[in-house]
Amino acid sequence: KLTHPEWGVMKEEEFRPLTHKHQNDLEDLHRNGQFIQDFYFWQANLGGYCMADMVQKVLVSSEGAFPLVRRIVDGAPHPGRKRKKR
């Protein structure tokens, strides 16, 4: 059975996935054993500028602090953006 990791936050008792780029960046760090405490990124639906702490498993934004979640879900991972042919 095919599964893949998904990164997001729990907000209002609901899982909100991060954008695919941020998920990929966090997963690469996770795979390499690099649990960093200050991963900064922008995500509009979480209030803009965010900071993820992979050690304490929390994400802080202007809207507050939310649990950072890495869960394993069924199915293939998102293929990512296709590069334009030149």
PDB file of N, CA and C in Angstrom:
ATOM      1  N   LYS A   1       0.849  -1.191   0.000  1.00  0.00           N
ATOM      2  CA  LYS A   1       0.000   0.000   0.000  1.00  0.00           C
ATOM      3  C   LYS A   1       0.888   1.246   0.000  1.00  0.00           C
ATOM      4  N   LEU A   2       0.578   2.184  -0.884  1.00  0.00           N
ATOM      5  CA  LEU A   2       1.377   3.393  -1.033  1.00  0.00           C
ATOM      6  C   LEU A   2       0.962   4.441  -0.002  1.00  0.00           C
ATOM      7  N   THR A   3       1.938   4.986   0.712  1.00  0.00           N
ATOM      8  CA  THR A   3       1.666   6.066   1.670  1.00  0.00           C
ATOM      9  C   THR A   3       2.723   7.154   1.488  1.00  0.00           C
ATOM     10  N   HIS A   4       2.438   8.319   2.040  1.00  0.00           N
ATOM     11  CA  HIS A   4       3.418   9.403   2.022  1.00  0.00           C
ATOM     12  C   HIS A   4       3.186  10.323   3.216  1.00  0.00           C
ATOM     13  N   PRO A   5       4.239  11.034   3.645  1.00  0.00           N
ATOM     14  CA  PRO A   5       4.076  11.968   4.760  1.00  0.00           C
ATOM     15  C   PRO A   5       3.431  13.268   4.299  1.00  0.00           C
ATOM     16  N   GLU A   6       2.702  13.877   5.196  1.00  0.00           N
ATOM     17  CA  GLU A   6       2.057  15.161   4.920  1.00  0.00           C
ATOM     18  C   GLU A   6       2.286  16.050   6.137  1.00  0.00           C
ATOM     19  N   TRP A   7       2.698  17.289   5.906  1.00  0.00           N
ATOM     20  CA  TRP A   7       2.959  18.241   6.983  1.00  0.00           C
ATOM     21  C   TRP A   7       1.864  19.296   7.011  1.00  0.00           C
ATOM     22  N   GLY A   8       1.462  19.671   8.201  1.00  0.00           N
ATOM     23  CA  GLY A   8       0.456  20.708   8.348  1.00  0.00           C
ATOM     24  C   GLY A   8       0.329  21.114   9.800  1.00  0.00           C
ATOM     25  N   VAL A   9      -0.732  21.847  10.089  1.00  0.00           N
ATOM     26  CA  VAL A   9      -0.998  22.267  11.466  1.00  0.00           C
ATOM     27  C   VAL A   9      -2.426  21.899  11.838  1.00  0.00           C
ATOM     28  N   MET A  10      -2.646  21.773  13.130  1.00  0.00           N
ATOM     29  CA  MET A  10      -4.001  21.592  13.636  1.00  0.00           C
ATOM     30  C   MET A  10      -4.513  22.980  14.007  1.00  0.00           C
ATOM     31  N   LYS A  11      -5.549  23.416  13.299  1.00  0.00           N
ATOM     32  CA  LYS A  11      -6.131  24.740  13.537  1.00  0.00           C
ATOM     33  C   LYS A  11      -7.637  24.566  13.613  1.00  0.00           C
ATOM     34  N   GLU A  12      -8.225  25.020  14.709  1.00  0.00           N
ATOM     35  CA  GLU A  12      -9.664  24.849  14.939  1.00  0.00           C
ATOM     36  C   GLU A  12     -10.061  23.381  14.777  1.00  0.00           C
ATOM     37  N   GLU A  13      -9.256  22.500  15.394  1.00  0.00           N
ATOM     38  CA  GLU A  13      -9.488  21.053  15.406  1.00  0.00           C
ATOM     39  C   GLU A  13      -9.525  20.425  14.009  1.00  0.00           C
ATOM     40  N   GLU A  14      -8.873  21.077  13.055  1.00  0.00           N
ATOM     41  CA  GLU A  14      -8.864  20.601  11.675  1.00  0.00           C
ATOM     42  C   GLU A  14      -7.423  20.601  11.158  1.00  0.00           C
ATOM     43  N   PHE A  15      -7.061  19.559  10.399  1.00  0.00           N
ATOM     44  CA  PHE A  15      -5.723  19.502   9.806  1.00  0.00           C
ATOM     45  C   PHE A  15      -5.659  20.439   8.611  1.00  0.00           C
ATOM     46  N   ARG A  16      -4.721  21.370   8.642  1.00  0.00           N
ATOM     47  CA  ARG A  16      -4.517  22.297   7.523  1.00  0.00           C
ATOM     48  C   ARG A  16      -3.143  22.019   6.927  1.00  0.00           C
ATOM     49  N   PRO A  17      -3.081  21.428   5.723  1.00  0.00           N
ATOM     50  CA  PRO A  17      -1.767  21.127   5.139  1.00  0.00           C
ATOM     51  C   PRO A  17      -1.005  22.390   4.757  1.00  0.00           C
ATOM     52  N   LEU A  18       0.313  22.312   4.870  1.00  0.00           N
ATOM     53  CA  LEU A  18       1.160  23.397   4.386  1.00  0.00           C
ATOM     54  C   LEU A  18       1.252  23.281   2.869  1.00  0.00           C
ATOM     55  N   THR A  19       1.729  24.350   2.205  1.00  0.00           N
ATOM     56  CA  THR A  19       1.896  24.270   0.755  1.00  0.00           C
ATOM     57  C   THR A  19       2.931  23.187   0.444  1.00  0.00           C
ATOM     58  N   HIS A  20       2.866  22.617  -0.747  1.00  0.00           N
ATOM     59  CA  HIS A  20       3.722  21.481  -1.104  1.00  0.00           C
ATOM     60  C   HIS A  20       5.205  21.804  -0.973  1.00  0.00           C
ATOM     61  N   LYS A  21       5.603  23.025  -1.342  1.00  0.00           N
ATOM     62  CA  LYS A  21       7.023  23.387  -1.240  1.00  0.00           C
ATOM     63  C   LYS A  21       7.486  23.310   0.207  1.00  0.00           C
ATOM     64  N   HIS A  22       6.707  23.879   1.127  1.00  0.00           N
ATOM     65  CA  HIS A  22       7.098  23.867   2.540  1.00  0.00           C
ATOM     66  C   HIS A  22       7.065  22.447   3.096  1.00  0.00           C
ATOM     67  N   GLN A  23       6.072  21.658   2.660  1.00  0.00           N
ATOM     68  CA  GLN A  23       6.017  20.257   3.091  1.00  0.00           C
ATOM     69  C   GLN A  23       7.276  19.518   2.643  1.00  0.00           C
ATOM     70  N   ASN A  24       7.671  19.732   1.379  1.00  0.00           N
ATOM     71  CA  ASN A  24       8.868  19.062   0.849  1.00  0.00           C
ATOM     72  C   ASN A  24      10.120  19.491   1.603  1.00  0.00           C
ATOM     73  N   ASP A  25      10.232  20.801   1.892  1.00  0.00           N
ATOM     74  CA  ASP A  25      11.399  21.304   2.623  1.00  0.00           C
ATOM     75  C   ASP A  25      11.463  20.695   4.021  1.00  0.00           C
ATOM     76  N   LEU A  26      10.330  20.659   4.725  1.00  0.00           N
ATOM     77  CA  LEU A  26      10.298  20.076   6.069  1.00  0.00           C
ATOM     78  C   LEU A  26      10.608  18.585   6.027  1.00  0.00           C
ATOM     79  N   GLU A  27      10.072  17.891   5.041  1.00  0.00           N
ATOM     80  CA  GLU A  27      10.306  16.447   4.941  1.00  0.00           C
ATOM     81  C   GLU A  27      11.780  16.154   4.642  1.00  0.00           C
ATOM     82  N   ASP A  28      12.410  16.971   3.783  1.00  0.00           N
ATOM     83  CA  ASP A  28      13.840  16.786   3.497  1.00  0.00           C
ATOM     84  C   ASP A  28      14.662  16.944   4.774  1.00  0.00           C
ATOM     85  N   LEU A  29      14.356  17.971   5.567  1.00  0.00           N
ATOM     86  CA  LEU A  29      15.051  18.178   6.839  1.00  0.00           C
ATOM     87  C   LEU A  29      14.818  16.987   7.768  1.00  0.00           C
ATOM     88  N   HIS A  30      13.567  16.548   7.844  1.00  0.00           N
ATOM     89  CA  HIS A  30      13.184  15.427   8.712  1.00  0.00           C
ATOM     90  C   HIS A  30      13.949  14.161   8.325  1.00  0.00           C
ATOM     91  N   ARG A  31      13.995  13.876   7.022  1.00  0.00           N
ATOM     92  CA  ARG A  31      14.703  12.680   6.526  1.00  0.00           C
ATOM     93  C   ARG A  31      16.186  12.712   6.849  1.00  0.00           C
ATOM     94  N   ASN A  32      16.767  13.923   6.833  1.00  0.00           N
ATOM     95  CA  ASN A  32      18.199  14.078   7.099  1.00  0.00           C
ATOM     96  C   ASN A  32      18.503  14.234   8.586  1.00  0.00           C
ATOM     97  N   GLY A  33      17.477  14.099   9.420  1.00  0.00           N
ATOM     98  CA  GLY A  33      17.673  14.210  10.863  1.00  0.00           C
ATOM     99  C   GLY A  33      17.976  15.618  11.334  1.00  0.00           C
ATOM    100  N   GLN A  34      17.611  16.611  10.522  1.00  0.00           N
ATOM    101  CA  GLN A  34      17.859  18.008  10.888  1.00  0.00           C
ATOM    102  C   GLN A  34      16.572  18.616  11.426  1.00  0.00           C
ATOM    103  N   PHE A  35      16.389  18.528  12.734  1.00  0.00           N
ATOM    104  CA  PHE A  35      15.183  19.083  13.347  1.00  0.00           C
ATOM    105  C   PHE A  35      15.500  20.510  13.775  1.00  0.00           C
ATOM    106  N   ILE A  36      15.131  21.468  12.923  1.00  0.00           N
ATOM    107  CA  ILE A  36      15.489  22.855  13.206  1.00  0.00           C
ATOM    108  C   ILE A  36      14.350  23.558  13.937  1.00  0.00           C
ATOM    109  N   GLN A  37      14.739  24.562  14.735  1.00  0.00           N
ATOM    110  CA  GLN A  37      13.754  25.249  15.570  1.00  0.00           C
ATOM    111  C   GLN A  37      13.264  26.554  14.967  1.00  0.00           C
ATOM    112  N   ASP A  38      13.813  26.932  13.811  1.00  0.00           N
ATOM    113  CA  ASP A  38      13.414  28.224  13.236  1.00  0.00           C
ATOM    114  C   ASP A  38      13.326  28.156  11.714  1.00  0.00           C
ATOM    115  N   PHE A  39      12.381  27.345  11.227  1.00  0.00           N
ATOM    116  CA  PHE A  39      12.127  27.234   9.792  1.00  0.00           C
ATOM    117  C   PHE A  39      11.105  28.309   9.427  1.00  0.00           C
ATOM    118  N   TYR A  40      11.556  29.370   8.743  1.00  0.00           N
ATOM    119  CA  TYR A  40      10.684  30.494   8.399  1.00  0.00           C
ATOM    120  C   TYR A  40      10.116  30.341   6.997  1.00  0.00           C
ATOM    121  N   PHE A  41       8.853  30.678   6.839  1.00  0.00           N
ATOM    122  CA  PHE A  41       8.222  30.632   5.517  1.00  0.00           C
ATOM    123  C   PHE A  41       6.953  31.477   5.529  1.00  0.00           C
ATOM    124  N   TRP A  42       6.398  31.677   4.331  1.00  0.00           N
ATOM    125  CA  TRP A  42       5.182  32.470   4.160  1.00  0.00           C
ATOM    126  C   TRP A  42       4.043  31.548   3.765  1.00  0.00           C
ATOM    127  N   GLN A  43       2.929  31.650   4.471  1.00  0.00           N
ATOM    128  CA  GLN A  43       1.721  30.928   4.058  1.00  0.00           C
ATOM    129  C   GLN A  43       0.517  31.797   4.404  1.00  0.00           C
ATOM    130  N   ALA A  44      -0.153  32.287   3.356  1.00  0.00           N
ATOM    131  CA  ALA A  44      -1.228  33.266   3.533  1.00  0.00           C
ATOM    132  C   ALA A  44      -2.351  32.775   4.441  1.00  0.00           C
ATOM    133  N   ASN A  45      -2.790  31.516   4.287  1.00  0.00           N
ATOM    134  CA  ASN A  45      -3.948  31.066   5.066  1.00  0.00           C
ATOM    135  C   ASN A  45      -3.621  30.794   6.538  1.00  0.00           C
ATOM    136  N   LEU A  46      -2.358  30.990   6.923  1.00  0.00           N
ATOM    137  CA  LEU A  46      -1.990  30.888   8.340  1.00  0.00           C
ATOM    138  C   LEU A  46      -1.586  32.251   8.894  1.00  0.00           C
ATOM    139  N   GLY A  47      -1.894  33.304   8.152  1.00  0.00           N
ATOM    140  CA  GLY A  47      -1.616  34.647   8.648  1.00  0.00           C
ATOM    141  C   GLY A  47      -0.352  35.270   8.090  1.00  0.00           C
ATOM    142  N   GLY A  48       0.245  34.658   7.065  1.00  0.00           N
ATOM    143  CA  GLY A  48       1.421  35.252   6.442  1.00  0.00           C
ATOM    144  C   GLY A  48       2.715  34.597   6.873  1.00  0.00           C
ATOM    145  N   TYR A  49       3.576  35.397   7.520  1.00  0.00           N
ATOM    146  CA  TYR A  49       4.907  34.923   7.908  1.00  0.00           C
ATOM    147  C   TYR A  49       4.795  33.922   9.050  1.00  0.00           C
ATOM    148  N   CYS A  50       5.415  32.758   8.905  1.00  0.00           N
ATOM    149  CA  CYS A  50       5.320  31.682   9.896  1.00  0.00           C
ATOM    150  C   CYS A  50       6.707  31.189  10.284  1.00  0.00           C
ATOM    151  N   MET A  51       6.786  30.604  11.477  1.00  0.00           N
ATOM    152  CA  MET A  51       8.004  29.946  11.914  1.00  0.00           C
ATOM    153  C   MET A  51       7.635  28.590  12.484  1.00  0.00           C
ATOM    154  N   ALA A  52       8.236  27.538  11.924  1.00  0.00           N
ATOM    155  CA  ALA A  52       7.994  26.188  12.419  1.00  0.00           C
ATOM    156  C   ALA A  52       9.163  25.758  13.297  1.00  0.00           C
ATOM    157  N   ASP A  53       8.841  25.200  14.455  1.00  0.00           N
ATOM    158  CA  ASP A  53       9.833  24.627  15.365  1.00  0.00           C
ATOM    159  C   ASP A  53       9.653  23.116  15.312  1.00  0.00           C
ATOM    160  N   MET A  54      10.595  22.433  14.636  1.00  0.00           N
ATOM    161  CA  MET A  54      10.468  20.987  14.443  1.00  0.00           C
ATOM    162  C   MET A  54      10.793  20.202  15.715  1.00  0.00           C
ATOM    163  N   VAL A  55      11.464  20.838  16.673  1.00  0.00           N
ATOM    164  CA  VAL A  55      11.809  20.162  17.928  1.00  0.00           C
ATOM    165  C   VAL A  55      10.597  20.140  18.856  1.00  0.00           C
ATOM    166  N   GLN A  56       9.979  21.320  19.038  1.00  0.00           N
ATOM    167  CA  GLN A  56       8.808  21.399  19.918  1.00  0.00           C
ATOM    168  C   GLN A  56       7.505  21.091  19.176  1.00  0.00           C
ATOM    169  N   LYS A  57       7.597  20.869  17.851  1.00  0.00           N
ATOM    170  CA  LYS A  57       6.443  20.551  17.004  1.00  0.00           C
ATOM    171  C   LYS A  57       5.339  21.610  17.129  1.00  0.00           C
ATOM    172  N   VAL A  58       5.744  22.848  16.885  1.00  0.00           N
ATOM    173  CA  VAL A  58       4.797  23.956  16.945  1.00  0.00           C
ATOM    174  C   VAL A  58       5.082  24.921  15.798  1.00  0.00           C
ATOM    175  N   LEU A  59       4.020  25.570  15.310  1.00  0.00           N
ATOM    176  CA  LEU A  59       4.145  26.582  14.273  1.00  0.00           C
ATOM    177  C   LEU A  59       3.580  27.880  14.835  1.00  0.00           C
ATOM    178  N   VAL A  60       4.342  28.957  14.692  1.00  0.00           N
ATOM    179  CA  VAL A  60       3.920  30.254  15.211  1.00  0.00           C
ATOM    180  C   VAL A  60       3.712  31.207  14.041  1.00  0.00           C
ATOM    181  N   SER A  61       2.562  31.890  14.057  1.00  0.00           N
ATOM    182  CA  SER A  61       2.286  32.911  13.043  1.00  0.00           C
ATOM    183  C   SER A  61       1.595  34.075  13.737  1.00  0.00           C
ATOM    184  N   SER A  62       1.222  35.093  12.956  1.00  0.00           N
ATOM    185  CA  SER A  62       0.524  36.240  13.543  1.00  0.00           C
ATOM    186  C   SER A  62      -0.843  35.838  14.093  1.00  0.00           C
ATOM    187  N   GLU A  63      -1.355  34.678  13.669  1.00  0.00           N
ATOM    188  CA  GLU A  63      -2.658  34.203  14.152  1.00  0.00           C
ATOM    189  C   GLU A  63      -2.539  33.361  15.418  1.00  0.00           C
ATOM    190  N   GLY A  64      -1.313  33.102  15.866  1.00  0.00           N
ATOM    191  CA  GLY A  64      -1.128  32.325  17.092  1.00  0.00           C
ATOM    192  C   GLY A  64      -0.176  31.167  16.898  1.00  0.00           C
ATOM    193  N   ALA A  65      -0.193  30.250  17.880  1.00  0.00           N
ATOM    194  CA  ALA A  65       0.661  29.059  17.833  1.00  0.00           C
ATOM    195  C   ALA A  65      -0.218  27.841  17.598  1.00  0.00           C
ATOM    196  N   PHE A  66       0.249  26.959  16.724  1.00  0.00           N
ATOM    197  CA  PHE A  66      -0.529  25.768  16.368  1.00  0.00           C
ATOM    198  C   PHE A  66       0.368  24.538  16.406  1.00  0.00           C
ATOM    199  N   PRO A  67      -0.190  23.377  16.758  1.00  0.00           N
ATOM    200  CA  PRO A  67       0.608  22.149  16.719  1.00  0.00           C
ATOM    201  C   PRO A  67       1.046  21.836  15.283  1.00  0.00           C
ATOM    202  N   LEU A  68       2.343  21.574  15.111  1.00  0.00           N
ATOM    203  CA  LEU A  68       2.894  21.157  13.820  1.00  0.00           C
ATOM    204  C   LEU A  68       2.773  19.641  13.743  1.00  0.00           C
ATOM    205  N   VAL A  69       2.169  19.156  12.658  1.00  0.00           N
ATOM    206  CA  VAL A  69       1.858  17.733  12.548  1.00  0.00           C
ATOM    207  C   VAL A  69       2.490  17.134  11.295  1.00  0.00           C
ATOM    208  N   ARG A  70       3.131  15.991  11.466  1.00  0.00           N
ATOM    209  CA  ARG A  70       3.588  15.181  10.323  1.00  0.00           C
ATOM    210  C   ARG A  70       2.807  13.885  10.409  1.00  0.00           C
ATOM    211  N   ARG A  71       1.965  13.645   9.412  1.00  0.00           N
ATOM    212  CA  ARG A  71       1.159  12.429   9.436  1.00  0.00           C
ATOM    213  C   ARG A  71       1.403  11.628   8.163  1.00  0.00           C
ATOM    214  N   ILE A  72       1.175  10.328   8.270  1.00  0.00           N
ATOM    215  CA  ILE A  72       1.335   9.443   7.120  1.00  0.00           C
ATOM    216  C   ILE A  72      -0.054   9.191   6.544  1.00  0.00           C
ATOM    217  N   VAL A  73      -0.212   9.507   5.265  1.00  0.00           N
ATOM    218  CA  VAL A  73      -1.516   9.367   4.617  1.00  0.00           C
ATOM    219  C   VAL A  73      -1.419   8.390   3.451  1.00  0.00           C
ATOM    220  N   ASP A  74      -2.547   7.829   3.075  1.00  0.00           N
ATOM    221  CA  ASP A  74      -2.605   6.876   1.965  1.00  0.00           C
ATOM    222  C   ASP A  74      -2.428   7.583   0.628  1.00  0.00           C
ATOM    223  N   GLY A  75      -1.911   6.843  -0.338  1.00  0.00           N
ATOM    224  CA  GLY A  75      -1.797   7.355  -1.698  1.00  0.00           C
ATOM    225  C   GLY A  75      -0.401   7.852  -2.022  1.00  0.00           C
ATOM    226  N   ALA A  76      -0.232   8.238  -3.280  1.00  0.00           N
ATOM    227  CA  ALA A  76       1.059   8.742  -3.755  1.00  0.00           C
ATOM    228  C   ALA A  76       1.208  10.211  -3.378  1.00  0.00           C
ATOM    229  N   PRO A  77       2.443  10.674  -3.170  1.00  0.00           N
ATOM    230  CA  PRO A  77       2.635  12.097  -2.879  1.00  0.00           C
ATOM    231  C   PRO A  77       2.300  12.956  -4.087  1.00  0.00           C
ATOM    232  N   HIS A  78       2.039  14.228  -3.833  1.00  0.00           N
ATOM    233  CA  HIS A  78       1.768  15.179  -4.905  1.00  0.00           C
ATOM    234  C   HIS A  78       2.983  15.226  -5.831  1.00  0.00           C
ATOM    235  N   PRO A  79       2.772  15.192  -7.165  1.00  0.00           N
ATOM    236  CA  PRO A  79       3.916  15.146  -8.091  1.00  0.00           C
ATOM    237  C   PRO A  79       4.736  16.425  -8.126  1.00  0.00           C
ATOM    238  N   GLY A  80       4.200  17.514  -7.609  1.00  0.00           N
ATOM    239  CA  GLY A  80       4.924  18.782  -7.661  1.00  0.00           C
ATOM    240  C   GLY A  80       4.588  19.530  -8.936  1.00  0.00           C
ATOM    241  N   ARG A  81       5.116  20.732  -9.042  1.00  0.00           N
ATOM    242  CA  ARG A  81       4.830  21.533 -10.230  1.00  0.00           C
ATOM    243  C   ARG A  81       5.609  21.015 -11.409  1.00  0.00           C
ATOM    244  N   LYS A  82       4.971  21.041 -12.563  1.00  0.00           N
ATOM    245  CA  LYS A  82       5.633  20.632 -13.801  1.00  0.00           C
ATOM    246  C   LYS A  82       6.452  21.812 -14.325  1.00  0.00           C
ATOM    247  N   ARG A  83       7.650  21.521 -14.767  1.00  0.00           N
ATOM    248  CA  ARG A  83       8.479  22.583 -15.350  1.00  0.00           C
ATOM    249  C   ARG A  83       7.993  22.858 -16.774  1.00  0.00           C
ATOM    250  N   LYS A  84       7.977  24.140 -17.133  1.00  0.00           N
ATOM    251  CA  LYS A  84       7.555  24.509 -18.485  1.00  0.00           C
ATOM    252  C   LYS A  84       8.620  24.097 -19.481  1.00  0.00           C
ATOM    253  N   LYS A  85       8.167  23.578 -20.625  1.00  0.00           N
ATOM    254  CA  LYS A  85       9.111  23.231 -21.696  1.00  0.00           C
ATOM    255  C   LYS A  85       9.488  24.502 -22.431  1.00  0.00           C
ATOM    256  N   ARG A  86      10.778  24.606 -22.781  1.00  0.00           N
ATOM    257  CA  ARG A  86      11.236  25.821 -23.472  1.00  0.00           C
ATOM    258  C   ARG A  86      11.384  25.570 -24.941  1.00  0.00           C
TER     259      ARG A  86
END
